[in-house]
Amino acid sequence: MASESATQKVRPSDRLIFYVTHTEPPSIKGVFEVVSNWRIATVLAWADEEETGELLYRFQVDVRPIVVGNVNLRELRKELGFIKDKAGYAVYLRGTPANHGQPVPEPDCQTIIQALRANR
């Protein structure tokens, strides 16, 4: 699910925060570490690709889970400094990479990891 821009910004050892859209309540489902360089995709990897039988995402990267769980983003947003507009929080979760292409600050990443661990 990466664009060429993401391949230039996301590197090994970076962390990815997985926010799943269209959930109620809006939820963060996990934090993963990038463990490889980007490569051109040759295999269908996502459900929508398998449904269509077409390669939809040109680039792939390997990741390792740091923590997987479920955190209500509506509740957690109050604690996250990178979300400046607490009412319009969804704008910070759009794009690849999200947060307007900026890294999530380390304290916010730790807050998310701790919340996921507490809610496993």
PDB file of N, CA and C in Angstrom:
ATOM      1  N   MET A   1       0.819  -1.178   0.000  1.00  0.00           N
ATOM      2  CA  MET A   1       0.000   0.000   0.000  1.00  0.00           C
ATOM      3  C   MET A   1       0.863   1.242   0.000  1.00  0.00           C
ATOM      4  N   ALA A   2       1.969   1.185  -0.652  1.00  0.00           N
ATOM      5  CA  ALA A   2       2.902   2.297  -0.581  1.00  0.00           C
ATOM      6  C   ALA A   2       3.018   3.010  -1.914  1.00  0.00           C
ATOM      7  N   SER A   3       3.264   4.273  -1.836  1.00  0.00           N
ATOM      8  CA  SER A   3       3.564   5.075  -3.005  1.00  0.00           C
ATOM      9  C   SER A   3       5.070   5.257  -3.068  1.00  0.00           C
ATOM     10  N   GLU A   4       5.557   5.827  -4.168  1.00  0.00           N
ATOM     11  CA  GLU A   4       6.989   6.093  -4.251  1.00  0.00           C
ATOM     12  C   GLU A   4       7.422   7.044  -3.149  1.00  0.00           C
ATOM     13  N   SER A   5       6.562   7.977  -2.761  1.00  0.00           N
ATOM     14  CA  SER A   5       6.882   8.894  -1.679  1.00  0.00           C
ATOM     15  C   SER A   5       7.121   8.132  -0.376  1.00  0.00           C
ATOM     16  N   ALA A   6       6.280   7.154  -0.090  1.00  0.00           N
ATOM     17  CA  ALA A   6       6.448   6.359   1.134  1.00  0.00           C
ATOM     18  C   ALA A   6       7.757   5.590   1.104  1.00  0.00           C
ATOM     19  N   THR A   7       8.146   5.098  -0.060  1.00  0.00           N
ATOM     20  CA  THR A   7       9.391   4.325  -0.146  1.00  0.00           C
ATOM     21  C   THR A   7      10.605   5.201   0.130  1.00  0.00           C
ATOM     22  N   GLN A   8      10.474   6.487  -0.065  1.00  0.00           N
ATOM     23  CA  GLN A   8      11.573   7.406   0.229  1.00  0.00           C
ATOM     24  C   GLN A   8      11.572   7.850   1.685  1.00  0.00           C
ATOM     25  N   LYS A   9      10.421   7.793   2.344  1.00  0.00           N
ATOM     26  CA  LYS A   9      10.309   8.296   3.719  1.00  0.00           C
ATOM     27  C   LYS A   9      10.384   7.205   4.778  1.00  0.00           C
ATOM     28  N   VAL A  10       9.935   6.003   4.469  1.00  0.00           N
ATOM     29  CA  VAL A  10       9.874   4.921   5.454  1.00  0.00           C
ATOM     30  C   VAL A  10      11.053   3.985   5.235  1.00  0.00           C
ATOM     31  N   ARG A  11      11.825   3.787   6.298  1.00  0.00           N
ATOM     32  CA  ARG A  11      13.075   3.023   6.231  1.00  0.00           C
ATOM     33  C   ARG A  11      13.087   1.900   7.277  1.00  0.00           C
ATOM     34  N   PRO A  12      14.014   0.938   7.115  1.00  0.00           N
ATOM     35  CA  PRO A  12      14.162  -0.085   8.157  1.00  0.00           C
ATOM     36  C   PRO A  12      14.372   0.556   9.527  1.00  0.00           C
ATOM     37  N   SER A  13      13.760  -0.036  10.527  1.00  0.00           N
ATOM     38  CA  SER A  13      13.728   0.356  11.940  1.00  0.00           C
ATOM     39  C   SER A  13      12.644   1.404  12.230  1.00  0.00           C
ATOM     40  N   ASP A  14      12.029   1.986  11.206  1.00  0.00           N
ATOM     41  CA  ASP A  14      10.878   2.870  11.437  1.00  0.00           C
ATOM     42  C   ASP A  14       9.708   2.025  11.937  1.00  0.00           C
ATOM     43  N   ARG A  15       8.791   2.687  12.639  1.00  0.00           N
ATOM     44  CA  ARG A  15       7.596   2.010  13.124  1.00  0.00           C
ATOM     45  C   ARG A  15       6.379   2.493  12.361  1.00  0.00           C
ATOM     46  N   LEU A  16       5.483   1.556  12.096  1.00  0.00           N
ATOM     47  CA  LEU A  16       4.232   1.841  11.406  1.00  0.00           C
ATOM     48  C   LEU A  16       3.086   1.624  12.387  1.00  0.00           C
ATOM     49  N   ILE A  17       2.192   2.576  12.457  1.00  0.00           N
ATOM     50  CA  ILE A  17       1.020   2.480  13.319  1.00  0.00           C
ATOM     51  C   ILE A  17      -0.166   2.157  12.417  1.00  0.00           C
ATOM     52  N   PHE A  18      -0.828   1.040  12.684  1.00  0.00           N
ATOM     53  CA  PHE A  18      -1.921   0.595  11.836  1.00  0.00           C
ATOM     54  C   PHE A  18      -3.257   1.070  12.396  1.00  0.00           C
ATOM     55  N   TYR A  19      -3.824   2.037  11.701  1.00  0.00           N
ATOM     56  CA  TYR A  19      -5.162   2.560  11.995  1.00  0.00           C
ATOM     57  C   TYR A  19      -6.087   1.959  10.948  1.00  0.00           C
ATOM     58  N   VAL A  20      -7.127   1.301  11.402  1.00  0.00           N
ATOM     59  CA  VAL A  20      -8.050   0.644  10.480  1.00  0.00           C
ATOM     60  C   VAL A  20      -9.277   1.534  10.309  1.00  0.00           C
ATOM     61  N   THR A  21      -9.551   1.902   9.076  1.00  0.00           N
ATOM     62  CA  THR A  21     -10.688   2.770   8.786  1.00  0.00           C
ATOM     63  C   THR A  21     -11.995   1.981   8.848  1.00  0.00           C
ATOM     64  N   HIS A  22     -13.063   2.717   9.003  1.00  0.00           N
ATOM     65  CA  HIS A  22     -14.422   2.161   8.995  1.00  0.00           C
ATOM     66  C   HIS A  22     -14.653   1.165  10.127  1.00  0.00           C
ATOM     67  N   THR A  23     -14.033   1.404  11.275  1.00  0.00           N
ATOM     68  CA  THR A  23     -14.339   0.605  12.459  1.00  0.00           C
ATOM     69  C   THR A  23     -15.098   1.489  13.431  1.00  0.00           C
ATOM     70  N   GLU A  24     -15.867   0.892  14.286  1.00  0.00           N
ATOM     71  CA  GLU A  24     -16.595   1.659  15.294  1.00  0.00           C
ATOM     72  C   GLU A  24     -16.337   1.039  16.655  1.00  0.00           C
ATOM     73  N   PRO A  25     -15.665   1.694  17.531  1.00  0.00           N
ATOM     74  CA  PRO A  25     -15.113   3.042  17.375  1.00  0.00           C
ATOM     75  C   PRO A  25     -13.855   3.012  16.500  1.00  0.00           C
ATOM     76  N   PRO A  26     -13.423   4.182  15.990  1.00  0.00           N
ATOM     77  CA  PRO A  26     -12.187   4.241  15.211  1.00  0.00           C
ATOM     78  C   PRO A  26     -11.043   3.666  16.054  1.00  0.00           C
ATOM     79  N   SER A  27     -10.240   2.778  15.454  1.00  0.00           N
ATOM     80  CA  SER A  27      -9.281   2.025  16.258  1.00  0.00           C
ATOM     81  C   SER A  27      -7.894   1.920  15.641  1.00  0.00           C
ATOM     82  N   ILE A  28      -6.912   1.935  16.527  1.00  0.00           N
ATOM     83  CA  ILE A  28      -5.546   1.567  16.169  1.00  0.00           C
ATOM     84  C   ILE A  28      -5.414   0.094  16.508  1.00  0.00           C
ATOM     85  N   LYS A  29      -4.882  -0.679  15.568  1.00  0.00           N
ATOM     86  CA  LYS A  29      -4.839  -2.137  15.718  1.00  0.00           C
ATOM     87  C   LYS A  29      -3.445  -2.687  15.985  1.00  0.00           C
ATOM     88  N   GLY A  30      -2.399  -1.868  15.809  1.00  0.00           N
ATOM     89  CA  GLY A  30      -1.071  -2.386  16.088  1.00  0.00           C
ATOM     90  C   GLY A  30       0.025  -1.424  15.700  1.00  0.00           C
ATOM     91  N   VAL A  31       1.230  -1.741  16.191  1.00  0.00           N
ATOM     92  CA  VAL A  31       2.445  -1.019  15.828  1.00  0.00           C
ATOM     93  C   VAL A  31       3.435  -2.063  15.329  1.00  0.00           C
ATOM     94  N   PHE A  32       4.046  -1.799  14.187  1.00  0.00           N
ATOM     95  CA  PHE A  32       4.957  -2.727  13.541  1.00  0.00           C
ATOM     96  C   PHE A  32       6.272  -2.028  13.227  1.00  0.00           C
ATOM     97  N   GLU A  33       7.353  -2.790  13.199  1.00  0.00           N
ATOM     98  CA  GLU A  33       8.665  -2.255  12.836  1.00  0.00           C
ATOM     99  C   GLU A  33       8.997  -2.692  11.415  1.00  0.00           C
ATOM    100  N   VAL A  34       9.505  -1.778  10.609  1.00  0.00           N
ATOM    101  CA  VAL A  34       9.958  -2.092   9.257  1.00  0.00           C
ATOM    102  C   VAL A  34      11.290  -2.828   9.381  1.00  0.00           C
ATOM    103  N   VAL A  35      11.381  -4.019   8.756  1.00  0.00           N
ATOM    104  CA  VAL A  35      12.586  -4.848   8.898  1.00  0.00           C
ATOM    105  C   VAL A  35      13.268  -5.156   7.565  1.00  0.00           C
ATOM    106  N   SER A  36      12.846  -4.482   6.505  1.00  0.00           N
ATOM    107  CA  SER A  36      13.499  -4.701   5.211  1.00  0.00           C
ATOM    108  C   SER A  36      13.458  -3.409   4.405  1.00  0.00           C
ATOM    109  N   ASN A  37      14.172  -3.422   3.318  1.00  0.00           N
ATOM    110  CA  ASN A  37      14.061  -2.334   2.358  1.00  0.00           C
ATOM    111  C   ASN A  37      12.840  -2.580   1.480  1.00  0.00           C
ATOM    112  N   TRP A  38      12.405  -1.533   0.823  1.00  0.00           N
ATOM    113  CA  TRP A  38      11.281  -1.655  -0.101  1.00  0.00           C
ATOM    114  C   TRP A  38      11.692  -2.445  -1.321  1.00  0.00           C
ATOM    115  N   ARG A  39      10.739  -3.149  -1.894  1.00  0.00           N
ATOM    116  CA  ARG A  39      10.969  -3.887  -3.139  1.00  0.00           C
ATOM    117  C   ARG A  39       9.726  -3.758  -4.016  1.00  0.00           C
ATOM    118  N   ILE A  40       9.910  -3.971  -5.278  1.00  0.00           N
ATOM    119  CA  ILE A  40       8.777  -3.957  -6.201  1.00  0.00           C
ATOM    120  C   ILE A  40       7.960  -5.219  -5.950  1.00  0.00           C
ATOM    121  N   ALA A  41       6.670  -5.048  -5.810  1.00  0.00           N
ATOM    122  CA  ALA A  41       5.778  -6.166  -5.499  1.00  0.00           C
ATOM    123  C   ALA A  41       5.680  -7.115  -6.680  1.00  0.00           C
ATOM    124  N   THR A  42       5.701  -8.400  -6.367  1.00  0.00           N
ATOM    125  CA  THR A  42       5.521  -9.430  -7.398  1.00  0.00           C
ATOM    126  C   THR A  42       4.422 -10.417  -7.011  1.00  0.00           C
ATOM    127  N   VAL A  43       3.922 -10.297  -5.779  1.00  0.00           N
ATOM    128  CA  VAL A  43       2.938 -11.234  -5.248  1.00  0.00           C
ATOM    129  C   VAL A  43       1.735 -10.452  -4.713  1.00  0.00           C
ATOM    130  N   LEU A  44       0.547 -10.968  -4.932  1.00  0.00           N
ATOM    131  CA  LEU A  44      -0.657 -10.361  -4.369  1.00  0.00           C
ATOM    132  C   LEU A  44      -0.612 -10.572  -2.854  1.00  0.00           C
ATOM    133  N   ALA A  45      -0.745  -9.485  -2.092  1.00  0.00           N
ATOM    134  CA  ALA A  45      -0.580  -9.586  -0.645  1.00  0.00           C
ATOM    135  C   ALA A  45      -1.799  -9.130   0.147  1.00  0.00           C
ATOM    136  N   TRP A  46      -2.714  -8.412  -0.449  1.00  0.00           N
ATOM    137  CA  TRP A  46      -3.834  -7.814   0.271  1.00  0.00           C
ATOM    138  C   TRP A  46      -5.155  -8.389  -0.217  1.00  0.00           C
ATOM    139  N   ALA A  47      -6.153  -8.365   0.646  1.00  0.00           N
ATOM    140  CA  ALA A  47      -7.457  -8.940   0.313  1.00  0.00           C
ATOM    141  C   ALA A  47      -8.041  -8.338  -0.961  1.00  0.00           C
ATOM    142  N   ASP A  48      -7.911  -7.021  -1.136  1.00  0.00           N
ATOM    143  CA  ASP A  48      -8.493  -6.413  -2.337  1.00  0.00           C
ATOM    144  C   ASP A  48      -7.735  -6.836  -3.595  1.00  0.00           C
ATOM    145  N   GLU A  49      -6.460  -7.142  -3.471  1.00  0.00           N
ATOM    146  CA  GLU A  49      -5.718  -7.661  -4.619  1.00  0.00           C
ATOM    147  C   GLU A  49      -6.177  -9.078  -4.956  1.00  0.00           C
ATOM    148  N   GLU A  50      -6.380  -9.885  -3.924  1.00  0.00           N
ATOM    149  CA  GLU A  50      -6.833 -11.257  -4.156  1.00  0.00           C
ATOM    150  C   GLU A  50      -8.227 -11.280  -4.761  1.00  0.00           C
ATOM    151  N   GLU A  51      -9.083 -10.341  -4.329  1.00  0.00           N
ATOM    152  CA  GLU A  51     -10.437 -10.263  -4.876  1.00  0.00           C
ATOM    153  C   GLU A  51     -10.428  -9.925  -6.361  1.00  0.00           C
ATOM    154  N   THR A  52      -9.568  -8.986  -6.758  1.00  0.00           N
ATOM    155  CA  THR A  52      -9.528  -8.562  -8.163  1.00  0.00           C
ATOM    156  C   THR A  52      -8.565  -9.392  -9.005  1.00  0.00           C
ATOM    157  N   GLY A  53      -7.637 -10.099  -8.334  1.00  0.00           N
ATOM    158  CA  GLY A  53      -6.634 -10.854  -9.073  1.00  0.00           C
ATOM    159  C   GLY A  53      -5.571  -9.959  -9.686  1.00  0.00           C
ATOM    160  N   GLU A  54      -5.518  -8.691  -9.254  1.00  0.00           N
ATOM    161  CA  GLU A  54      -4.573  -7.724  -9.801  1.00  0.00           C
ATOM    162  C   GLU A  54      -3.646  -7.195  -8.722  1.00  0.00           C
ATOM    163  N   LEU A  55      -2.429  -6.905  -9.118  1.00  0.00           N
ATOM    164  CA  LEU A  55      -1.461  -6.281  -8.229  1.00  0.00           C
ATOM    165  C   LEU A  55      -1.791  -4.792  -8.156  1.00  0.00           C
ATOM    166  N   LEU A  56      -2.264  -4.335  -6.991  1.00  0.00           N
ATOM    167  CA  LEU A  56      -2.715  -2.956  -6.832  1.00  0.00           C
ATOM    168  C   LEU A  56      -1.672  -2.068  -6.168  1.00  0.00           C
ATOM    169  N   TYR A  57      -0.754  -2.653  -5.421  1.00  0.00           N
ATOM    170  CA  TYR A  57       0.235  -1.890  -4.655  1.00  0.00           C
ATOM    171  C   TYR A  57       1.623  -2.247  -5.163  1.00  0.00           C
ATOM    172  N   ARG A  58       2.315  -1.272  -5.726  1.00  0.00           N
ATOM    173  CA  ARG A  58       3.564  -1.509  -6.454  1.00  0.00           C
ATOM    174  C   ARG A  58       4.748  -1.872  -5.574  1.00  0.00           C
ATOM    175  N   PHE A  59       4.717  -1.488  -4.310  1.00  0.00           N
ATOM    176  CA  PHE A  59       5.877  -1.690  -3.449  1.00  0.00           C
ATOM    177  C   PHE A  59       5.488  -2.450  -2.191  1.00  0.00           C
ATOM    178  N   GLN A  60       6.428  -3.249  -1.688  1.00  0.00           N
ATOM    179  CA  GLN A  60       6.208  -3.998  -0.455  1.00  0.00           C
ATOM    180  C   GLN A  60       7.427  -3.860   0.442  1.00  0.00           C
ATOM    181  N   VAL A  61       7.179  -4.045   1.742  1.00  0.00           N
ATOM    182  CA  VAL A  61       8.234  -4.008   2.751  1.00  0.00           C
ATOM    183  C   VAL A  61       7.864  -5.047   3.811  1.00  0.00           C
ATOM    184  N   ASP A  62       8.847  -5.660   4.427  1.00  0.00           N
ATOM    185  CA  ASP A  62       8.577  -6.616   5.500  1.00  0.00           C
ATOM    186  C   ASP A  62       8.485  -5.876   6.823  1.00  0.00           C
ATOM    187  N   VAL A  63       7.579  -6.340   7.676  1.00  0.00           N
ATOM    188  CA  VAL A  63       7.388  -5.737   8.996  1.00  0.00           C
ATOM    189  C   VAL A  63       7.348  -6.836  10.051  1.00  0.00           C
ATOM    190  N   ARG A  64       7.623  -6.432  11.291  1.00  0.00           N
ATOM    191  CA  ARG A  64       7.527  -7.336  12.435  1.00  0.00           C
ATOM    192  C   ARG A  64       6.623  -6.659  13.457  1.00  0.00           C
ATOM    193  N   PRO A  65       5.690  -7.416  14.033  1.00  0.00           N
ATOM    194  CA  PRO A  65       4.802  -6.795  15.022  1.00  0.00           C
ATOM    195  C   PRO A  65       5.547  -6.440  16.306  1.00  0.00           C
ATOM    196  N   ILE A  66       5.308  -5.237  16.788  1.00  0.00           N
ATOM    197  CA  ILE A  66       5.778  -4.827  18.114  1.00  0.00           C
ATOM    198  C   ILE A  66       4.674  -5.128  19.107  1.00  0.00           C
ATOM    199  N   VAL A  67       3.461  -4.711  18.768  1.00  0.00           N
ATOM    200  CA  VAL A  67       2.287  -5.015  19.586  1.00  0.00           C
ATOM    201  C   VAL A  67       1.055  -4.952  18.694  1.00  0.00           C
ATOM    202  N   VAL A  68       0.153  -5.904  18.909  1.00  0.00           N
ATOM    203  CA  VAL A  68      -1.112  -5.950  18.177  1.00  0.00           C
ATOM    204  C   VAL A  68      -2.228  -5.951  19.215  1.00  0.00           C
ATOM    205  N   GLY A  69      -3.255  -5.189  18.956  1.00  0.00           N
ATOM    206  CA  GLY A  69      -4.366  -5.109  19.896  1.00  0.00           C
ATOM    207  C   GLY A  69      -5.465  -4.245  19.323  1.00  0.00           C
ATOM    208  N   ASN A  70      -6.119  -3.517  20.200  1.00  0.00           N
ATOM    209  CA  ASN A  70      -7.222  -2.663  19.777  1.00  0.00           C
ATOM    210  C   ASN A  70      -7.326  -1.496  20.748  1.00  0.00           C
ATOM    211  N   VAL A  71      -7.199  -0.281  20.220  1.00  0.00           N
ATOM    212  CA  VAL A  71      -7.303   0.919  21.053  1.00  0.00           C
ATOM    213  C   VAL A  71      -8.291   1.873  20.397  1.00  0.00           C
ATOM    214  N   ASN A  72      -9.213   2.349  21.189  1.00  0.00           N
ATOM    215  CA  ASN A  72     -10.208   3.320  20.749  1.00  0.00           C
ATOM    216  C   ASN A  72      -9.505   4.661  20.528  1.00  0.00           C
ATOM    217  N   LEU A  73      -9.380   5.066  19.280  1.00  0.00           N
ATOM    218  CA  LEU A  73      -8.671   6.303  18.966  1.00  0.00           C
ATOM    219  C   LEU A  73      -9.427   7.532  19.455  1.00  0.00           C
ATOM    220  N   ARG A  74     -10.739   7.477  19.499  1.00  0.00           N
ATOM    221  CA  ARG A  74     -11.504   8.619  20.007  1.00  0.00           C
ATOM    222  C   ARG A  74     -11.094   8.951  21.436  1.00  0.00           C
ATOM    223  N   GLU A  75     -10.860   7.920  22.237  1.00  0.00           N
ATOM    224  CA  GLU A  75     -10.432   8.138  23.617  1.00  0.00           C
ATOM    225  C   GLU A  75      -8.952   8.507  23.703  1.00  0.00           C
ATOM    226  N   LEU A  76      -8.120   7.855  22.917  1.00  0.00           N
ATOM    227  CA  LEU A  76      -6.670   8.054  23.005  1.00  0.00           C
ATOM    228  C   LEU A  76      -6.217   9.395  22.422  1.00  0.00           C
ATOM    229  N   ARG A  77      -6.955   9.955  21.488  1.00  0.00           N
ATOM    230  CA  ARG A  77      -6.519  11.180  20.790  1.00  0.00           C
ATOM    231  C   ARG A  77      -6.196  12.322  21.742  1.00  0.00           C
ATOM    232  N   LYS A  78      -6.865  12.370  22.891  1.00  0.00           N
ATOM    233  CA  LYS A  78      -6.621  13.439  23.872  1.00  0.00           C
ATOM    234  C   LYS A  78      -5.188  13.399  24.406  1.00  0.00           C
ATOM    235  N   GLU A  79      -4.570  12.226  24.371  1.00  0.00           N
ATOM    236  CA  GLU A  79      -3.224  12.040  24.912  1.00  0.00           C
ATOM    237  C   GLU A  79      -2.122  12.172  23.857  1.00  0.00           C
ATOM    238  N   LEU A  80      -2.484  12.340  22.609  1.00  0.00           N
ATOM    239  CA  LEU A  80      -1.508  12.333  21.518  1.00  0.00           C
ATOM    240  C   LEU A  80      -1.199  13.750  21.049  1.00  0.00           C
ATOM    241  N   GLY A  81       0.042  14.159  21.231  1.00  0.00           N
ATOM    242  CA  GLY A  81       0.459  15.508  20.872  1.00  0.00           C
ATOM    243  C   GLY A  81       0.466  15.787  19.383  1.00  0.00           C
ATOM    244  N   PHE A  82       0.705  14.760  18.543  1.00  0.00           N
ATOM    245  CA  PHE A  82       0.766  15.013  17.101  1.00  0.00           C
ATOM    246  C   PHE A  82      -0.608  15.321  16.523  1.00  0.00           C
ATOM    247  N   ILE A  83      -1.680  14.974  17.240  1.00  0.00           N
ATOM    248  CA  ILE A  83      -3.032  15.319  16.804  1.00  0.00           C
ATOM    249  C   ILE A  83      -3.377  16.663  17.424  1.00  0.00           C
ATOM    250  N   LYS A  84      -3.158  17.714  16.657  1.00  0.00           N
ATOM    251  CA  LYS A  84      -3.377  19.076  17.150  1.00  0.00           C
ATOM    252  C   LYS A  84      -4.864  19.411  17.251  1.00  0.00           C
ATOM    253  N   ASP A  85      -5.620  19.048  16.218  1.00  0.00           N
ATOM    254  CA  ASP A  85      -7.060  19.306  16.189  1.00  0.00           C
ATOM    255  C   ASP A  85      -7.765  18.040  16.662  1.00  0.00           C
ATOM    256  N   LYS A  86      -8.120  17.997  17.934  1.00  0.00           N
ATOM    257  CA  LYS A  86      -8.687  16.781  18.530  1.00  0.00           C
ATOM    258  C   LYS A  86     -10.034  16.420  17.913  1.00  0.00           C
ATOM    259  N   ALA A  87     -10.800  17.391  17.442  1.00  0.00           N
ATOM    260  CA  ALA A  87     -12.091  17.105  16.813  1.00  0.00           C
ATOM    261  C   ALA A  87     -11.900  16.555  15.401  1.00  0.00           C
ATOM    262  N   GLY A  88     -10.888  17.049  14.695  1.00  0.00           N
ATOM    263  CA  GLY A  88     -10.644  16.624  13.320  1.00  0.00           C
ATOM    264  C   GLY A  88      -9.476  15.661  13.216  1.00  0.00           C
ATOM    265  N   TYR A  89      -9.380  14.731  14.153  1.00  0.00           N
ATOM    266  CA  TYR A  89      -8.224  13.840  14.252  1.00  0.00           C
ATOM    267  C   TYR A  89      -7.992  12.995  13.002  1.00  0.00           C
ATOM    268  N   ALA A  90      -9.026  12.687  12.245  1.00  0.00           N
ATOM    269  CA  ALA A  90      -8.885  11.790  11.097  1.00  0.00           C
ATOM    270  C   ALA A  90      -7.926  12.335  10.042  1.00  0.00           C
ATOM    271  N   VAL A  91      -7.797  13.652   9.931  1.00  0.00           N
ATOM    272  CA  VAL A  91      -6.902  14.232   8.930  1.00  0.00           C
ATOM    273  C   VAL A  91      -5.447  13.823   9.179  1.00  0.00           C
ATOM    274  N   TYR A  92      -5.099  13.524  10.420  1.00  0.00           N
ATOM    275  CA  TYR A  92      -3.737  13.122  10.758  1.00  0.00           C
ATOM    276  C   TYR A  92      -3.464  11.663  10.409  1.00  0.00           C
ATOM    277  N   LEU A  93      -4.507  10.941  10.020  1.00  0.00           N
ATOM    278  CA  LEU A  93      -4.383   9.513   9.748  1.00  0.00           C
ATOM    279  C   LEU A  93      -4.581   9.187   8.278  1.00  0.00           C
ATOM    280  N   ARG A  94      -4.608  10.218   7.450  1.00  0.00           N
ATOM    281  CA  ARG A  94      -4.793  10.022   6.006  1.00  0.00           C
ATOM    282  C   ARG A  94      -3.456  10.127   5.294  1.00  0.00           C
ATOM    283  N   GLY A  95      -3.360   9.397   4.211  1.00  0.00           N
ATOM    284  CA  GLY A  95      -2.157   9.467   3.389  1.00  0.00           C
ATOM    285  C   GLY A  95      -1.189   8.355   3.719  1.00  0.00           C
ATOM    286  N   THR A  96      -0.196   8.222   2.858  1.00  0.00           N
ATOM    287  CA  THR A  96       0.842   7.213   3.042  1.00  0.00           C
ATOM    288  C   THR A  96       2.183   7.863   2.791  1.00  0.00           C
ATOM    289  N   PRO A  97       2.975   8.130   3.807  1.00  0.00           N
ATOM    290  CA  PRO A  97       2.634   7.940   5.210  1.00  0.00           C
ATOM    291  C   PRO A  97       1.711   9.042   5.717  1.00  0.00           C
ATOM    292  N   ALA A  98       0.984   8.722   6.770  1.00  0.00           N
ATOM    293  CA  ALA A  98       0.019   9.656   7.354  1.00  0.00           C
ATOM    294  C   ALA A  98       0.738  10.721   8.172  1.00  0.00           C
ATOM    295  N   ASN A  99      -0.018  11.474   8.954  1.00  0.00           N
ATOM    296  CA  ASN A  99       0.491  12.591   9.764  1.00  0.00           C
ATOM    297  C   ASN A  99       1.211  13.606   8.880  1.00  0.00           C
ATOM    298  N   HIS A 100       0.606  13.890   7.744  1.00  0.00           N
ATOM    299  CA  HIS A 100       1.160  14.873   6.797  1.00  0.00           C
ATOM    300  C   HIS A 100       2.585  14.510   6.388  1.00  0.00           C
ATOM    301  N   GLY A 101       2.888  13.216   6.350  1.00  0.00           N
ATOM    302  CA  GLY A 101       4.207  12.742   5.938  1.00  0.00           C
ATOM    303  C   GLY A 101       5.283  12.892   6.991  1.00  0.00           C
ATOM    304  N   GLN A 102       4.905  13.243   8.206  1.00  0.00           N
ATOM    305  CA  GLN A 102       5.876  13.454   9.295  1.00  0.00           C
ATOM    306  C   GLN A 102       5.862  12.270  10.260  1.00  0.00           C
ATOM    307  N   PRO A 103       6.995  11.953  10.869  1.00  0.00           N
ATOM    308  CA  PRO A 103       7.013  10.878  11.864  1.00  0.00           C
ATOM    309  C   PRO A 103       6.151  11.234  13.073  1.00  0.00           C
ATOM    310  N   VAL A 104       5.561  10.229  13.669  1.00  0.00           N
ATOM    311  CA  VAL A 104       4.844  10.411  14.934  1.00  0.00           C
ATOM    312  C   VAL A 104       5.911  10.548  16.014  1.00  0.00           C
ATOM    313  N   PRO A 105       5.840  11.580  16.853  1.00  0.00           N
ATOM    314  CA  PRO A 105       6.858  11.756  17.897  1.00  0.00           C
ATOM    315  C   PRO A 105       6.957  10.533  18.809  1.00  0.00           C
ATOM    316  N   GLU A 106       8.165  10.263  19.280  1.00  0.00           N
ATOM    317  CA  GLU A 106       8.423   9.090  20.122  1.00  0.00           C
ATOM    318  C   GLU A 106       7.493   9.010  21.335  1.00  0.00           C
ATOM    319  N   PRO A 107       7.261  10.097  22.076  1.00  0.00           N
ATOM    320  CA  PRO A 107       6.344   9.979  23.222  1.00  0.00           C
ATOM    321  C   PRO A 107       4.935   9.519  22.809  1.00  0.00           C
ATOM    322  N   ASP A 108       4.444   9.984  21.674  1.00  0.00           N
ATOM    323  CA  ASP A 108       3.126   9.558  21.193  1.00  0.00           C
ATOM    324  C   ASP A 108       3.149   8.089  20.788  1.00  0.00           C
ATOM    325  N   CYS A 109       4.226   7.669  20.144  1.00  0.00           N
ATOM    326  CA  CYS A 109       4.354   6.261  19.754  1.00  0.00           C
ATOM    327  C   CYS A 109       4.341   5.372  21.000  1.00  0.00           C
ATOM    328  N   GLN A 110       5.052   5.788  22.040  1.00  0.00           N
ATOM    329  CA  GLN A 110       5.071   5.015  23.282  1.00  0.00           C
ATOM    330  C   GLN A 110       3.693   4.988  23.943  1.00  0.00           C
ATOM    331  N   THR A 111       2.969   6.090  23.883  1.00  0.00           N
ATOM    332  CA  THR A 111       1.608   6.130  24.432  1.00  0.00           C
ATOM    333  C   THR A 111       0.720   5.121  23.715  1.00  0.00           C
ATOM    334  N   ILE A 112       0.842   5.054  22.393  1.00  0.00           N
ATOM    335  CA  ILE A 112       0.041   4.114  21.600  1.00  0.00           C
ATOM    336  C   ILE A 112       0.426   2.678  21.937  1.00  0.00           C
ATOM    337  N   ILE A 113       1.724   2.390  22.014  1.00  0.00           N
ATOM    338  CA  ILE A 113       2.193   1.038  22.342  1.00  0.00           C
ATOM    339  C   ILE A 113       1.684   0.621  23.720  1.00  0.00           C
ATOM    340  N   GLN A 114       1.799   1.495  24.694  1.00  0.00           N
ATOM    341  CA  GLN A 114       1.331   1.175  26.051  1.00  0.00           C
ATOM    342  C   GLN A 114      -0.174   0.933  26.077  1.00  0.00           C
ATOM    343  N   ALA A 115      -0.931   1.735  25.344  1.00  0.00           N
ATOM    344  CA  ALA A 115      -2.390   1.550  25.299  1.00  0.00           C
ATOM    345  C   ALA A 115      -2.755   0.226  24.641  1.00  0.00           C
ATOM    346  N   LEU A 116      -2.045  -0.131  23.579  1.00  0.00           N
ATOM    347  CA  LEU A 116      -2.302  -1.419  22.923  1.00  0.00           C
ATOM    348  C   LEU A 116      -1.964  -2.574  23.862  1.00  0.00           C
ATOM    349  N   ARG A 117      -0.873  -2.474  24.574  1.00  0.00           N
ATOM    350  CA  ARG A 117      -0.498  -3.554  25.519  1.00  0.00           C
ATOM    351  C   ARG A 117      -1.527  -3.686  26.640  1.00  0.00           C
ATOM    352  N   ALA A 118      -2.066  -2.578  27.086  1.00  0.00           N
ATOM    353  CA  ALA A 118      -3.047  -2.603  28.173  1.00  0.00           C
ATOM    354  C   ALA A 118      -4.389  -3.178  27.727  1.00  0.00           C
ATOM    355  N   ASN A 119      -4.673  -3.111  26.429  1.00  0.00           N
ATOM    356  CA  ASN A 119      -5.981  -3.533  25.907  1.00  0.00           C
ATOM    357  C   ASN A 119      -5.945  -4.815  25.117  1.00  0.00           C
ATOM    358  N   ARG A 120      -4.908  -5.627  25.249  1.00  0.00           N
ATOM    359  CA  ARG A 120      -4.839  -6.868  24.471  1.00  0.00           C
ATOM    360  C   ARG A 120      -5.991  -7.769  24.764  1.00  0.00           C
TER     361      ARG A 120
END
